[in-house]
Amino acid sequence: MEMQTNIQNQTNIQIQLKVTGYHYYYINRVVLLLREKLKNSFPQATLHQTFLPEKIEQFTVLRSPHVDKKARDQFSRNIQTRLLTLTIKSVDMPTTTRDLNKLFNSLNDVVVGVSIRIRTTLK
């Protein structure tokens, strides 16, 4: 009987992480670090990865604005984006959120050049 009430008290925490960066290597590094840390601290968690389209920004700059109109330089900036969906089945909500905050703060310190946006929902 206690086991049934325990199952009913479980809540699903769904967290979406939007990871953006200029190079795919750093994003892959964040995903691998996250998987390793989740495996150690939350064995019941599942992580799904979705590749979002690459955003390309192109710039054209005049080399010499006074004399030669045809002398131009072109630059491009490619922004890689991934959407990570993390689902955790949890009974104890406050300790789970506290542990997740510690996990995400440690990720921000390790990888430079990658931004992580976090959105959580309860189900």
PDB file of N, CA and C in Angstrom:
ATOM      1  N   MET A   1       0.817  -1.199   0.000  1.00  0.00           N
ATOM      2  CA  MET A   1       0.000   0.000   0.000  1.00  0.00           C
ATOM      3  C   MET A   1       0.866   1.271   0.000  1.00  0.00           C
ATOM      4  N   GLU A   2       1.944   1.237   0.794  1.00  0.00           N
ATOM      5  CA  GLU A   2       2.823   2.393   0.825  1.00  0.00           C
ATOM      6  C   GLU A   2       3.481   2.622  -0.520  1.00  0.00           C
ATOM      7  N   MET A   3       3.762   1.545  -1.231  1.00  0.00           N
ATOM      8  CA  MET A   3       4.421   1.678  -2.528  1.00  0.00           C
ATOM      9  C   MET A   3       3.508   2.398  -3.520  1.00  0.00           C
ATOM     10  N   GLN A   4       2.202   2.125  -3.478  1.00  0.00           N
ATOM     11  CA  GLN A   4       1.276   2.793  -4.390  1.00  0.00           C
ATOM     12  C   GLN A   4       1.188   4.286  -4.084  1.00  0.00           C
ATOM     13  N   THR A   5       1.157   4.659  -2.811  1.00  0.00           N
ATOM     14  CA  THR A   5       1.108   6.079  -2.479  1.00  0.00           C
ATOM     15  C   THR A   5       2.416   6.764  -2.857  1.00  0.00           C
ATOM     16  N   ASN A   6       3.529   6.033  -2.743  1.00  0.00           N
ATOM     17  CA  ASN A   6       4.814   6.582  -3.140  1.00  0.00           C
ATOM     18  C   ASN A   6       4.849   6.871  -4.630  1.00  0.00           C
ATOM     19  N   ILE A   7       4.280   5.976  -5.441  1.00  0.00           N
ATOM     20  CA  ILE A   7       4.239   6.160  -6.880  1.00  0.00           C
ATOM     21  C   ILE A   7       3.332   7.330  -7.236  1.00  0.00           C
ATOM     22  N   GLN A   8       2.223   7.480  -6.512  1.00  0.00           N
ATOM     23  CA  GLN A   8       1.303   8.572  -6.798  1.00  0.00           C
ATOM     24  C   GLN A   8       1.901   9.926  -6.440  1.00  0.00           C
ATOM     25  N   ASN A   9       2.801   9.960  -5.444  1.00  0.00           N
ATOM     26  CA  ASN A   9       3.411  11.220  -5.032  1.00  0.00           C
ATOM     27  C   ASN A   9       4.559  11.649  -5.941  1.00  0.00           C
ATOM     28  N   GLN A  10       4.957  10.789  -6.875  1.00  0.00           N
ATOM     29  CA  GLN A  10       6.047  11.141  -7.769  1.00  0.00           C
ATOM     30  C   GLN A  10       5.603  12.240  -8.732  1.00  0.00           C
ATOM     31  N   THR A  11       6.487  13.177  -8.962  1.00  0.00           N
ATOM     32  CA  THR A  11       6.233  14.223  -9.943  1.00  0.00           C
ATOM     33  C   THR A  11       7.310  14.153 -11.018  1.00  0.00           C
ATOM     34  N   ASN A  12       6.901  14.456 -12.220  1.00  0.00           N
ATOM     35  CA  ASN A  12       7.859  14.512 -13.316  1.00  0.00           C
ATOM     36  C   ASN A  12       8.320  15.945 -13.478  1.00  0.00           C
ATOM     37  N   ILE A  13       9.606  16.140 -13.392  1.00  0.00           N
ATOM     38  CA  ILE A  13      10.197  17.443 -13.619  1.00  0.00           C
ATOM     39  C   ILE A  13      10.773  17.414 -15.023  1.00  0.00           C
ATOM     40  N   GLN A  14      10.298  18.310 -15.875  1.00  0.00           N
ATOM     41  CA  GLN A  14      10.812  18.384 -17.236  1.00  0.00           C
ATOM     42  C   GLN A  14      11.558  19.700 -17.392  1.00  0.00           C
ATOM     43  N   ILE A  15      12.814  19.589 -17.771  1.00  0.00           N
ATOM     44  CA  ILE A  15      13.678  20.752 -17.905  1.00  0.00           C
ATOM     45  C   ILE A  15      14.165  20.820 -19.340  1.00  0.00           C
ATOM     46  N   GLN A  16      14.003  21.973 -19.957  1.00  0.00           N
ATOM     47  CA  GLN A  16      14.515  22.173 -21.316  1.00  0.00           C
ATOM     48  C   GLN A  16      15.701  23.120 -21.246  1.00  0.00           C
ATOM     49  N   LEU A  17      16.806  22.667 -21.798  1.00  0.00           N
ATOM     50  CA  LEU A  17      18.024  23.457 -21.841  1.00  0.00           C
ATOM     51  C   LEU A  17      18.277  23.854 -23.286  1.00  0.00           C
ATOM     52  N   LYS A  18      18.409  25.123 -23.536  1.00  0.00           N
ATOM     53  CA  LYS A  18      18.757  25.598 -24.873  1.00  0.00           C
ATOM     54  C   LYS A  18      20.220  26.015 -24.819  1.00  0.00           C
ATOM     55  N   VAL A  19      21.056  25.231 -25.487  1.00  0.00           N
ATOM     56  CA  VAL A  19      22.501  25.431 -25.454  1.00  0.00           C
ATOM     57  C   VAL A  19      22.923  26.053 -26.777  1.00  0.00           C
ATOM     58  N   THR A  20      23.539  27.239 -26.722  1.00  0.00           N
ATOM     59  CA  THR A  20      23.993  27.913 -27.941  1.00  0.00           C
ATOM     60  C   THR A  20      25.472  28.236 -27.826  1.00  0.00           C
ATOM     61  N   GLY A  21      26.151  28.180 -28.956  1.00  0.00           N
ATOM     62  CA  GLY A  21      27.577  28.492 -29.002  1.00  0.00           C
ATOM     63  C   GLY A  21      28.021  28.671 -30.434  1.00  0.00           C
ATOM     64  N   TYR A  22      29.261  29.144 -30.581  1.00  0.00           N
ATOM     65  CA  TYR A  22      29.778  29.406 -31.918  1.00  0.00           C
ATOM     66  C   TYR A  22      30.441  28.184 -32.546  1.00  0.00           C
ATOM     67  N   HIS A  23      30.743  27.168 -31.767  1.00  0.00           N
ATOM     68  CA  HIS A  23      31.394  25.984 -32.315  1.00  0.00           C
ATOM     69  C   HIS A  23      30.747  24.737 -31.725  1.00  0.00           C
ATOM     70  N   TYR A  24      30.529  23.737 -32.576  1.00  0.00           N
ATOM     71  CA  TYR A  24      29.828  22.537 -32.129  1.00  0.00           C
ATOM     72  C   TYR A  24      30.643  21.733 -31.112  1.00  0.00           C
ATOM     73  N   TYR A  25      31.967  21.864 -31.123  1.00  0.00           N
ATOM     74  CA  TYR A  25      32.814  21.116 -30.193  1.00  0.00           C
ATOM     75  C   TYR A  25      32.459  21.459 -28.750  1.00  0.00           C
ATOM     76  N   TYR A  26      32.279  22.732 -28.454  1.00  0.00           N
ATOM     77  CA  TYR A  26      31.989  23.150 -27.086  1.00  0.00           C
ATOM     78  C   TYR A  26      30.594  22.722 -26.656  1.00  0.00           C
ATOM     79  N   ILE A  27      29.662  22.712 -27.592  1.00  0.00           N
ATOM     80  CA  ILE A  27      28.311  22.260 -27.266  1.00  0.00           C
ATOM     81  C   ILE A  27      28.323  20.764 -26.979  1.00  0.00           C
ATOM     82  N   ASN A  28      29.056  19.989 -27.779  1.00  0.00           N
ATOM     83  CA  ASN A  28      29.182  18.555 -27.515  1.00  0.00           C
ATOM     84  C   ASN A  28      29.823  18.300 -26.159  1.00  0.00           C
ATOM     85  N   ARG A  29      30.778  19.142 -25.804  1.00  0.00           N
ATOM     86  CA  ARG A  29      31.429  18.995 -24.503  1.00  0.00           C
ATOM     87  C   ARG A  29      30.445  19.230 -23.356  1.00  0.00           C
ATOM     88  N   VAL A  30      29.570  20.227 -23.499  1.00  0.00           N
ATOM     89  CA  VAL A  30      28.552  20.495 -22.478  1.00  0.00           C
ATOM     90  C   VAL A  30      27.603  19.302 -22.357  1.00  0.00           C
ATOM     91  N   VAL A  31      27.185  18.742 -23.491  1.00  0.00           N
ATOM     92  CA  VAL A  31      26.251  17.610 -23.470  1.00  0.00           C
ATOM     93  C   VAL A  31      26.890  16.395 -22.806  1.00  0.00           C
ATOM     94  N   LEU A  32      28.154  16.112 -23.123  1.00  0.00           N
ATOM     95  CA  LEU A  32      28.836  14.978 -22.496  1.00  0.00           C
ATOM     96  C   LEU A  32      29.012  15.171 -20.996  1.00  0.00           C
ATOM     97  N   LEU A  33      29.394  16.386 -20.586  1.00  0.00           N
ATOM     98  CA  LEU A  33      29.519  16.664 -19.154  1.00  0.00           C
ATOM     99  C   LEU A  33      28.185  16.511 -18.432  1.00  0.00           C
ATOM    100  N   LEU A  34      27.135  16.990 -19.060  1.00  0.00           N
ATOM    101  CA  LEU A  34      25.810  16.885 -18.459  1.00  0.00           C
ATOM    102  C   LEU A  34      25.379  15.428 -18.322  1.00  0.00           C
ATOM    103  N   ARG A  35      25.631  14.630 -19.354  1.00  0.00           N
ATOM    104  CA  ARG A  35      25.272  13.201 -19.278  1.00  0.00           C
ATOM    105  C   ARG A  35      26.044  12.482 -18.182  1.00  0.00           C
ATOM    106  N   GLU A  36      27.332  12.760 -18.054  1.00  0.00           N
ATOM    107  CA  GLU A  36      28.130  12.116 -17.018  1.00  0.00           C
ATOM    108  C   GLU A  36      27.639  12.486 -15.623  1.00  0.00           C
ATOM    109  N   LYS A  37      27.401  13.771 -15.412  1.00  0.00           N
ATOM    110  CA  LYS A  37      26.963  14.214 -14.086  1.00  0.00           C
ATOM    111  C   LYS A  37      25.555  13.729 -13.759  1.00  0.00           C
ATOM    112  N   LEU A  38      24.685  13.667 -14.782  1.00  0.00           N
ATOM    113  CA  LEU A  38      23.332  13.162 -14.531  1.00  0.00           C
ATOM    114  C   LEU A  38      23.340  11.677 -14.210  1.00  0.00           C
ATOM    115  N   LYS A  39      24.221  10.939 -14.874  1.00  0.00           N
ATOM    116  CA  LYS A  39      24.301   9.499 -14.620  1.00  0.00           C
ATOM    117  C   LYS A  39      24.709   9.230 -13.182  1.00  0.00           C
ATOM    118  N   ASN A  40      25.596  10.079 -12.641  1.00  0.00           N
ATOM    119  CA  ASN A  40      26.057   9.897 -11.263  1.00  0.00           C
ATOM    120  C   ASN A  40      25.027  10.334 -10.240  1.00  0.00           C
ATOM    121  N   SER A  41      24.399  11.485 -10.449  1.00  0.00           N
ATOM    122  CA  SER A  41      23.518  12.032  -9.417  1.00  0.00           C
ATOM    123  C   SER A  41      22.048  11.653  -9.585  1.00  0.00           C
ATOM    124  N   PHE A  42      21.564  11.485 -10.826  1.00  0.00           N
ATOM    125  CA  PHE A  42      20.164  11.131 -11.079  1.00  0.00           C
ATOM    126  C   PHE A  42      20.101   9.946 -12.041  1.00  0.00           C
ATOM    127  N   PRO A  43      20.197   8.723 -11.551  1.00  0.00           N
ATOM    128  CA  PRO A  43      20.175   7.576 -12.474  1.00  0.00           C
ATOM    129  C   PRO A  43      18.823   7.370 -13.161  1.00  0.00           C
ATOM    130  N   GLN A  44      17.748   7.905 -12.591  1.00  0.00           N
ATOM    131  CA  GLN A  44      16.416   7.725 -13.178  1.00  0.00           C
ATOM    132  C   GLN A  44      16.097   8.785 -14.235  1.00  0.00           C
ATOM    133  N   ALA A  45      17.010   9.707 -14.481  1.00  0.00           N
ATOM    134  CA  ALA A  45      16.763  10.799 -15.419  1.00  0.00           C
ATOM    135  C   ALA A  45      17.001  10.348 -16.860  1.00  0.00           C
ATOM    136  N   THR A  46      16.219  10.941 -17.772  1.00  0.00           N
ATOM    137  CA  THR A  46      16.411  10.697 -19.203  1.00  0.00           C
ATOM    138  C   THR A  46      16.735  12.029 -19.876  1.00  0.00           C
ATOM    139  N   LEU A  47      17.636  11.967 -20.852  1.00  0.00           N
ATOM    140  CA  LEU A  47      18.074  13.162 -21.561  1.00  0.00           C
ATOM    141  C   LEU A  47      17.907  12.943 -23.055  1.00  0.00           C
ATOM    142  N   HIS A  48      17.139  13.820 -23.703  1.00  0.00           N
ATOM    143  CA  HIS A  48      16.920  13.757 -25.150  1.00  0.00           C
ATOM    144  C   HIS A  48      17.527  14.998 -25.784  1.00  0.00           C
ATOM    145  N   GLN A  49      18.211  14.780 -26.893  1.00  0.00           N
ATOM    146  CA  GLN A  49      18.903  15.868 -27.573  1.00  0.00           C
ATOM    147  C   GLN A  49      18.258  16.119 -28.925  1.00  0.00           C
ATOM    148  N   THR A  50      17.949  17.399 -29.213  1.00  0.00           N
ATOM    149  CA  THR A  50      17.371  17.796 -30.492  1.00  0.00           C
ATOM    150  C   THR A  50      18.286  18.839 -31.124  1.00  0.00           C
ATOM    151  N   PHE A  51      18.659  18.606 -32.367  1.00  0.00           N
ATOM    152  CA  PHE A  51      19.495  19.552 -33.093  1.00  0.00           C
ATOM    153  C   PHE A  51      18.599  20.606 -33.734  1.00  0.00           C
ATOM    154  N   LEU A  52      18.861  21.862 -33.445  1.00  0.00           N
ATOM    155  CA  LEU A  52      18.120  22.963 -34.049  1.00  0.00           C
ATOM    156  C   LEU A  52      18.929  23.522 -35.216  1.00  0.00           C
ATOM    157  N   PRO A  53      18.273  24.224 -36.147  1.00  0.00           N
ATOM    158  CA  PRO A  53      18.997  24.732 -37.313  1.00  0.00           C
ATOM    159  C   PRO A  53      20.105  25.716 -36.933  1.00  0.00           C
ATOM    160  N   GLU A  54      21.138  25.709 -37.747  1.00  0.00           N
ATOM    161  CA  GLU A  54      22.263  26.610 -37.542  1.00  0.00           C
ATOM    162  C   GLU A  54      21.898  27.999 -38.047  1.00  0.00           C
ATOM    163  N   LYS A  55      22.180  28.989 -37.238  1.00  0.00           N
ATOM    164  CA  LYS A  55      21.885  30.364 -37.626  1.00  0.00           C
ATOM    165  C   LYS A  55      23.163  30.996 -38.172  1.00  0.00           C
ATOM    166  N   ILE A  56      23.084  31.541 -39.386  1.00  0.00           N
ATOM    167  CA  ILE A  56      24.247  32.135 -40.036  1.00  0.00           C
ATOM    168  C   ILE A  56      24.010  33.628 -40.200  1.00  0.00           C
ATOM    169  N   GLU A  57      24.916  34.426 -39.650  1.00  0.00           N
ATOM    170  CA  GLU A  57      24.858  35.873 -39.797  1.00  0.00           C
ATOM    171  C   GLU A  57      26.029  36.287 -40.675  1.00  0.00           C
ATOM    172  N   GLN A  58      25.744  37.036 -41.744  1.00  0.00           N
ATOM    173  CA  GLN A  58      26.789  37.461 -42.657  1.00  0.00           C
ATOM    174  C   GLN A  58      26.898  38.982 -42.650  1.00  0.00           C
ATOM    175  N   PHE A  59      28.142  39.463 -42.668  1.00  0.00           N
ATOM    176  CA  PHE A  59      28.412  40.894 -42.648  1.00  0.00           C
ATOM    177  C   PHE A  59      29.310  41.248 -43.831  1.00  0.00           C
ATOM    178  N   THR A  60      29.074  42.393 -44.422  1.00  0.00           N
ATOM    179  CA  THR A  60      29.950  42.921 -45.469  1.00  0.00           C
ATOM    180  C   THR A  60      30.442  44.291 -45.025  1.00  0.00           C
ATOM    181  N   VAL A  61      31.762  44.454 -45.073  1.00  0.00           N
ATOM    182  CA  VAL A  61      32.385  45.686 -44.614  1.00  0.00           C
ATOM    183  C   VAL A  61      33.203  46.270 -45.762  1.00  0.00           C
ATOM    184  N   LEU A  62      33.055  47.573 -45.995  1.00  0.00           N
ATOM    185  CA  LEU A  62      33.867  48.250 -46.999  1.00  0.00           C
ATOM    186  C   LEU A  62      35.284  48.455 -46.452  1.00  0.00           C
ATOM    187  N   ARG A  63      36.281  48.064 -47.244  1.00  0.00           N
ATOM    188  CA  ARG A  63      37.670  48.256 -46.818  1.00  0.00           C
ATOM    189  C   ARG A  63      38.057  49.733 -46.852  1.00  0.00           C
ATOM    190  N   SER A  64      37.712  50.361 -47.927  1.00  0.00           N
ATOM    191  CA  SER A  64      38.063  51.763 -48.103  1.00  0.00           C
ATOM    192  C   SER A  64      36.801  52.514 -48.519  1.00  0.00           C
ATOM    193  N   PRO A  65      36.115  53.161 -47.606  1.00  0.00           N
ATOM    194  CA  PRO A  65      34.845  53.795 -47.945  1.00  0.00           C
ATOM    195  C   PRO A  65      34.987  55.013 -48.860  1.00  0.00           C
ATOM    196  N   HIS A  66      36.185  55.574 -48.986  1.00  0.00           N
ATOM    197  CA  HIS A  66      36.341  56.799 -49.766  1.00  0.00           C
ATOM    198  C   HIS A  66      36.677  56.554 -51.232  1.00  0.00           C
ATOM    199  N   VAL A  67      37.540  55.564 -51.531  1.00  0.00           N
ATOM    200  CA  VAL A  67      38.085  55.441 -52.874  1.00  0.00           C
ATOM    201  C   VAL A  67      37.467  54.294 -53.660  1.00  0.00           C
ATOM    202  N   ASP A  68      37.640  53.067 -53.174  1.00  0.00           N
ATOM    203  CA  ASP A  68      37.302  51.893 -53.964  1.00  0.00           C
ATOM    204  C   ASP A  68      36.049  51.224 -53.398  1.00  0.00           C
ATOM    205  N   LYS A  69      34.953  51.330 -54.118  1.00  0.00           N
ATOM    206  CA  LYS A  69      33.689  50.756 -53.674  1.00  0.00           C
ATOM    207  C   LYS A  69      33.703  49.226 -53.751  1.00  0.00           C
ATOM    208  N   LYS A  70      34.513  48.656 -54.657  1.00  0.00           N
ATOM    209  CA  LYS A  70      34.517  47.210 -54.866  1.00  0.00           C
ATOM    210  C   LYS A  70      35.352  46.456 -53.828  1.00  0.00           C
ATOM    211  N   ALA A  71      36.173  47.138 -53.077  1.00  0.00           N
ATOM    212  CA  ALA A  71      37.019  46.472 -52.078  1.00  0.00           C
ATOM    213  C   ALA A  71      36.202  46.231 -50.813  1.00  0.00           C
ATOM    214  N   ARG A  72      35.738  45.009 -50.664  1.00  0.00           N
ATOM    215  CA  ARG A  72      34.891  44.656 -49.517  1.00  0.00           C
ATOM    216  C   ARG A  72      35.397  43.384 -48.865  1.00  0.00           C
ATOM    217  N   ASP A  73      35.142  43.247 -47.575  1.00  0.00           N
ATOM    218  CA  ASP A  73      35.415  42.021 -46.832  1.00  0.00           C
ATOM    219  C   ASP A  73      34.099  41.463 -46.340  1.00  0.00           C
ATOM    220  N   GLN A  74      33.987  40.142 -46.410  1.00  0.00           N
ATOM    221  CA  GLN A  74      32.766  39.491 -45.930  1.00  0.00           C
ATOM    222  C   GLN A  74      33.117  38.579 -44.761  1.00  0.00           C
ATOM    223  N   PHE A  75      32.304  38.655 -43.738  1.00  0.00           N
ATOM    224  CA  PHE A  75      32.479  37.842 -42.540  1.00  0.00           C
ATOM    225  C   PHE A  75      31.175  37.118 -42.251  1.00  0.00           C
ATOM    226  N   SER A  76      31.292  35.947 -41.657  1.00  0.00           N
ATOM    227  CA  SER A  76      30.083  35.233 -41.250  1.00  0.00           C
ATOM    228  C   SER A  76      30.280  34.685 -39.839  1.00  0.00           C
ATOM    229  N   ARG A  77      29.167  34.588 -39.126  1.00  0.00           N
ATOM    230  CA  ARG A  77      29.162  34.053 -37.770  1.00  0.00           C
ATOM    231  C   ARG A  77      28.103  32.955 -37.729  1.00  0.00           C
ATOM    232  N   ASN A  78      28.531  31.724 -37.433  1.00  0.00           N
ATOM    233  CA  ASN A  78      27.617  30.586 -37.373  1.00  0.00           C
ATOM    234  C   ASN A  78      27.301  30.291 -35.905  1.00  0.00           C
ATOM    235  N   ILE A  79      26.018  30.218 -35.589  1.00  0.00           N
ATOM    236  CA  ILE A  79      25.589  29.955 -34.218  1.00  0.00           C
ATOM    237  C   ILE A  79      24.914  28.593 -34.182  1.00  0.00           C
ATOM    238  N   GLN A  80      25.524  27.662 -33.448  1.00  0.00           N
ATOM    239  CA  GLN A  80      24.992  26.312 -33.288  1.00  0.00           C
ATOM    240  C   GLN A  80      24.039  26.296 -32.091  1.00  0.00           C
ATOM    241  N   THR A  81      22.930  25.549 -32.196  1.00  0.00           N
ATOM    242  CA  THR A  81      21.954  25.489 -31.118  1.00  0.00           C
ATOM    243  C   THR A  81      21.481  24.058 -30.931  1.00  0.00           C
ATOM    244  N   ARG A  82      21.369  23.656 -29.673  1.00  0.00           N
ATOM    245  CA  ARG A  82      20.817  22.351 -29.325  1.00  0.00           C
ATOM    246  C   ARG A  82      19.739  22.543 -28.267  1.00  0.00           C
ATOM    247  N   LEU A  83      18.740  21.692 -28.323  1.00  0.00           N
ATOM    248  CA  LEU A  83      17.688  21.691 -27.312  1.00  0.00           C
ATOM    249  C   LEU A  83      17.773  20.366 -26.572  1.00  0.00           C
ATOM    250  N   LEU A  84      18.062  20.428 -25.282  1.00  0.00           N
ATOM    251  CA  LEU A  84      18.161  19.234 -24.449  1.00  0.00           C
ATOM    252  C   LEU A  84      16.937  19.175 -23.557  1.00  0.00           C
ATOM    253  N   THR A  85      16.237  18.043 -23.576  1.00  0.00           N
ATOM    254  CA  THR A  85      15.075  17.861 -22.726  1.00  0.00           C
ATOM    255  C   THR A  85      15.411  16.816 -21.673  1.00  0.00           C
ATOM    256  N   LEU A  86      15.348  17.234 -20.435  1.00  0.00           N
ATOM    257  CA  LEU A  86      15.708  16.393 -19.297  1.00  0.00           C
ATOM    258  C   LEU A  86      14.446  16.087 -18.509  1.00  0.00           C
ATOM    259  N   THR A  87      14.157  14.804 -18.304  1.00  0.00           N
ATOM    260  CA  THR A  87      12.980  14.391 -17.545  1.00  0.00           C
ATOM    261  C   THR A  87      13.440  13.600 -16.330  1.00  0.00           C
ATOM    262  N   ILE A  88      12.988  14.035 -15.143  1.00  0.00           N
ATOM    263  CA  ILE A  88      13.361  13.379 -13.897  1.00  0.00           C
ATOM    264  C   ILE A  88      12.093  13.020 -13.141  1.00  0.00           C
ATOM    265  N   LYS A  89      11.990  11.768 -12.735  1.00  0.00           N
ATOM    266  CA  LYS A  89      10.884  11.338 -11.875  1.00  0.00           C
ATOM    267  C   LYS A  89      11.377  11.438 -10.440  1.00  0.00           C
ATOM    268  N   SER A  90      10.693  12.244  -9.658  1.00  0.00           N
ATOM    269  CA  SER A  90      11.186  12.545  -8.319  1.00  0.00           C
ATOM    270  C   SER A  90      10.064  12.511  -7.297  1.00  0.00           C
ATOM    271  N   VAL A  91      10.396  12.051  -6.093  1.00  0.00           N
ATOM    272  CA  VAL A  91       9.453  12.071  -4.979  1.00  0.00           C
ATOM    273  C   VAL A  91       9.711  13.312  -4.120  1.00  0.00           C
ATOM    274  N   ASP A  92      10.961  13.602  -3.871  1.00  0.00           N
ATOM    275  CA  ASP A  92      11.338  14.725  -3.014  1.00  0.00           C
ATOM    276  C   ASP A  92      11.714  15.921  -3.882  1.00  0.00           C
ATOM    277  N   MET A  93      10.804  16.846  -4.035  1.00  0.00           N
ATOM    278  CA  MET A  93      10.964  17.967  -4.947  1.00  0.00           C
ATOM    279  C   MET A  93      12.053  18.966  -4.521  1.00  0.00           C
ATOM    280  N   PRO A  94      12.096  19.436  -3.269  1.00  0.00           N
ATOM    281  CA  PRO A  94      13.086  20.475  -2.910  1.00  0.00           C
ATOM    282  C   PRO A  94      14.540  20.014  -3.065  1.00  0.00           C
ATOM    283  N   THR A  95      14.844  18.785  -2.661  1.00  0.00           N
ATOM    284  CA  THR A  95      16.230  18.323  -2.778  1.00  0.00           C
ATOM    285  C   THR A  95      16.614  18.122  -4.233  1.00  0.00           C
ATOM    286  N   THR A  96      15.658  17.697  -5.057  1.00  0.00           N
ATOM    287  CA  THR A  96      15.947  17.508  -6.477  1.00  0.00           C
ATOM    288  C   THR A  96      16.281  18.843  -7.134  1.00  0.00           C
ATOM    289  N   THR A  97      15.498  19.876  -6.869  1.00  0.00           N
ATOM    290  CA  THR A  97      15.769  21.179  -7.481  1.00  0.00           C
ATOM    291  C   THR A  97      17.075  21.773  -6.956  1.00  0.00           C
ATOM    292  N   ARG A  98      17.387  21.545  -5.690  1.00  0.00           N
ATOM    293  CA  ARG A  98      18.638  22.046  -5.125  1.00  0.00           C
ATOM    294  C   ARG A  98      19.836  21.371  -5.804  1.00  0.00           C
ATOM    295  N   ASP A  99      19.743  20.049  -5.992  1.00  0.00           N
ATOM    296  CA  ASP A  99      20.827  19.323  -6.655  1.00  0.00           C
ATOM    297  C   ASP A  99      20.973  19.748  -8.115  1.00  0.00           C
ATOM    298  N   LEU A 100      19.853  20.011  -8.791  1.00  0.00           N
ATOM    299  CA  LEU A 100      19.914  20.456 -10.180  1.00  0.00           C
ATOM    300  C   LEU A 100      20.551  21.833 -10.302  1.00  0.00           C
ATOM    301  N   ASN A 101      20.250  22.733  -9.368  1.00  0.00           N
ATOM    302  CA  ASN A 101      20.871  24.064  -9.391  1.00  0.00           C
ATOM    303  C   ASN A 101      22.381  23.956  -9.233  1.00  0.00           C
ATOM    304  N   LYS A 102      22.840  23.088  -8.345  1.00  0.00           N
ATOM    305  CA  LYS A 102      24.280  22.890  -8.178  1.00  0.00           C
ATOM    306  C   LYS A 102      24.899  22.338  -9.456  1.00  0.00           C
ATOM    307  N   LEU A 103      24.191  21.411 -10.094  1.00  0.00           N
ATOM    308  CA  LEU A 103      24.693  20.799 -11.330  1.00  0.00           C
ATOM    309  C   LEU A 103      24.836  21.833 -12.442  1.00  0.00           C
ATOM    310  N   PHE A 104      23.824  22.677 -12.648  1.00  0.00           N
ATOM    311  CA  PHE A 104      23.865  23.668 -13.718  1.00  0.00           C
ATOM    312  C   PHE A 104      24.890  24.763 -13.438  1.00  0.00           C
ATOM    313  N   ASN A 105      25.050  25.138 -12.172  1.00  0.00           N
ATOM    314  CA  ASN A 105      26.074  26.137 -11.834  1.00  0.00           C
ATOM    315  C   ASN A 105      27.473  25.605 -12.101  1.00  0.00           C
ATOM    316  N   SER A 106      27.693  24.327 -11.850  1.00  0.00           N
ATOM    317  CA  SER A 106      29.012  23.746 -12.125  1.00  0.00           C
ATOM    318  C   SER A 106      29.262  23.678 -13.627  1.00  0.00           C
ATOM    319  N   LEU A 107      28.221  23.483 -14.440  1.00  0.00           N
ATOM    320  CA  LEU A 107      28.394  23.453 -15.894  1.00  0.00           C
ATOM    321  C   LEU A 107      28.774  24.824 -16.435  1.00  0.00           C
ATOM    322  N   ASN A 108      28.192  25.881 -15.907  1.00  0.00           N
ATOM    323  CA  ASN A 108      28.504  27.232 -16.385  1.00  0.00           C
ATOM    324  C   ASN A 108      29.955  27.602 -16.096  1.00  0.00           C
ATOM    325  N   ASP A 109      30.527  27.072 -15.017  1.00  0.00           N
ATOM    326  CA  ASP A 109      31.904  27.390 -14.678  1.00  0.00           C
ATOM    327  C   ASP A 109      32.904  26.648 -15.554  1.00  0.00           C
ATOM    328  N   VAL A 110      32.540  25.453 -16.027  1.00  0.00           N
ATOM    329  CA  VAL A 110      33.493  24.611 -16.756  1.00  0.00           C
ATOM    330  C   VAL A 110      33.649  25.047 -18.202  1.00  0.00           C
ATOM    331  N   VAL A 111      32.559  25.274 -18.908  1.00  0.00           N
ATOM    332  CA  VAL A 111      32.628  25.534 -20.346  1.00  0.00           C
ATOM    333  C   VAL A 111      32.452  27.027 -20.602  1.00  0.00           C
ATOM    334  N   VAL A 112      33.421  27.605 -21.317  1.00  0.00           N
ATOM    335  CA  VAL A 112      33.392  29.022 -21.655  1.00  0.00           C
ATOM    336  C   VAL A 112      32.982  29.151 -23.120  1.00  0.00           C
ATOM    337  N   GLY A 113      32.164  30.139 -23.438  1.00  0.00           N
ATOM    338  CA  GLY A 113      31.750  30.361 -24.819  1.00  0.00           C
ATOM    339  C   GLY A 113      30.439  29.702 -25.180  1.00  0.00           C
ATOM    340  N   VAL A 114      29.759  29.104 -24.217  1.00  0.00           N
ATOM    341  CA  VAL A 114      28.474  28.456 -24.452  1.00  0.00           C
ATOM    342  C   VAL A 114      27.472  29.040 -23.467  1.00  0.00           C
ATOM    343  N   SER A 115      26.306  29.439 -23.984  1.00  0.00           N
ATOM    344  CA  SER A 115      25.274  29.941 -23.081  1.00  0.00           C
ATOM    345  C   SER A 115      24.191  28.877 -22.927  1.00  0.00           C
ATOM    346  N   ILE A 116      23.674  28.777 -21.719  1.00  0.00           N
ATOM    347  CA  ILE A 116      22.652  27.781 -21.398  1.00  0.00           C
ATOM    348  C   ILE A 116      21.446  28.511 -20.841  1.00  0.00           C
ATOM    349  N   ARG A 117      20.295  28.305 -21.464  1.00  0.00           N
ATOM    350  CA  ARG A 117      19.032  28.848 -20.953  1.00  0.00           C
ATOM    351  C   ARG A 117      18.200  27.684 -20.443  1.00  0.00           C
ATOM    352  N   ILE A 118      17.594  27.871 -19.271  1.00  0.00           N
ATOM    353  CA  ILE A 118      16.888  26.790 -18.607  1.00  0.00           C
ATOM    354  C   ILE A 118      15.420  27.155 -18.460  1.00  0.00           C
ATOM    355  N   ARG A 119      14.539  26.185 -18.809  1.00  0.00           N
ATOM    356  CA  ARG A 119      13.098  26.347 -18.619  1.00  0.00           C
ATOM    357  C   ARG A 119      12.572  25.060 -17.993  1.00  0.00           C
ATOM    358  N   THR A 120      11.838  25.179 -16.886  1.00  0.00           N
ATOM    359  CA  THR A 120      11.350  23.994 -16.178  1.00  0.00           C
ATOM    360  C   THR A 120       9.836  23.949 -16.181  1.00  0.00           C
ATOM    361  N   THR A 121       9.307  22.736 -16.191  1.00  0.00           N
ATOM    362  CA  THR A 121       7.869  22.507 -16.057  1.00  0.00           C
ATOM    363  C   THR A 121       7.654  21.285 -15.175  1.00  0.00           C
ATOM    364  N   LEU A 122       6.550  21.276 -14.472  1.00  0.00           N
ATOM    365  CA  LEU A 122       6.177  20.135 -13.643  1.00  0.00           C
ATOM    366  C   LEU A 122       5.004  19.421 -14.283  1.00  0.00           C
ATOM    367  N   LYS A 123       5.045  18.110 -14.265  1.00  0.00           N
ATOM    368  CA  LYS A 123       3.928  17.330 -14.788  1.00  0.00           C
ATOM    369  C   LYS A 123       3.511  16.279 -13.805  1.00  0.00           C
TER     370      LYS A 123
END
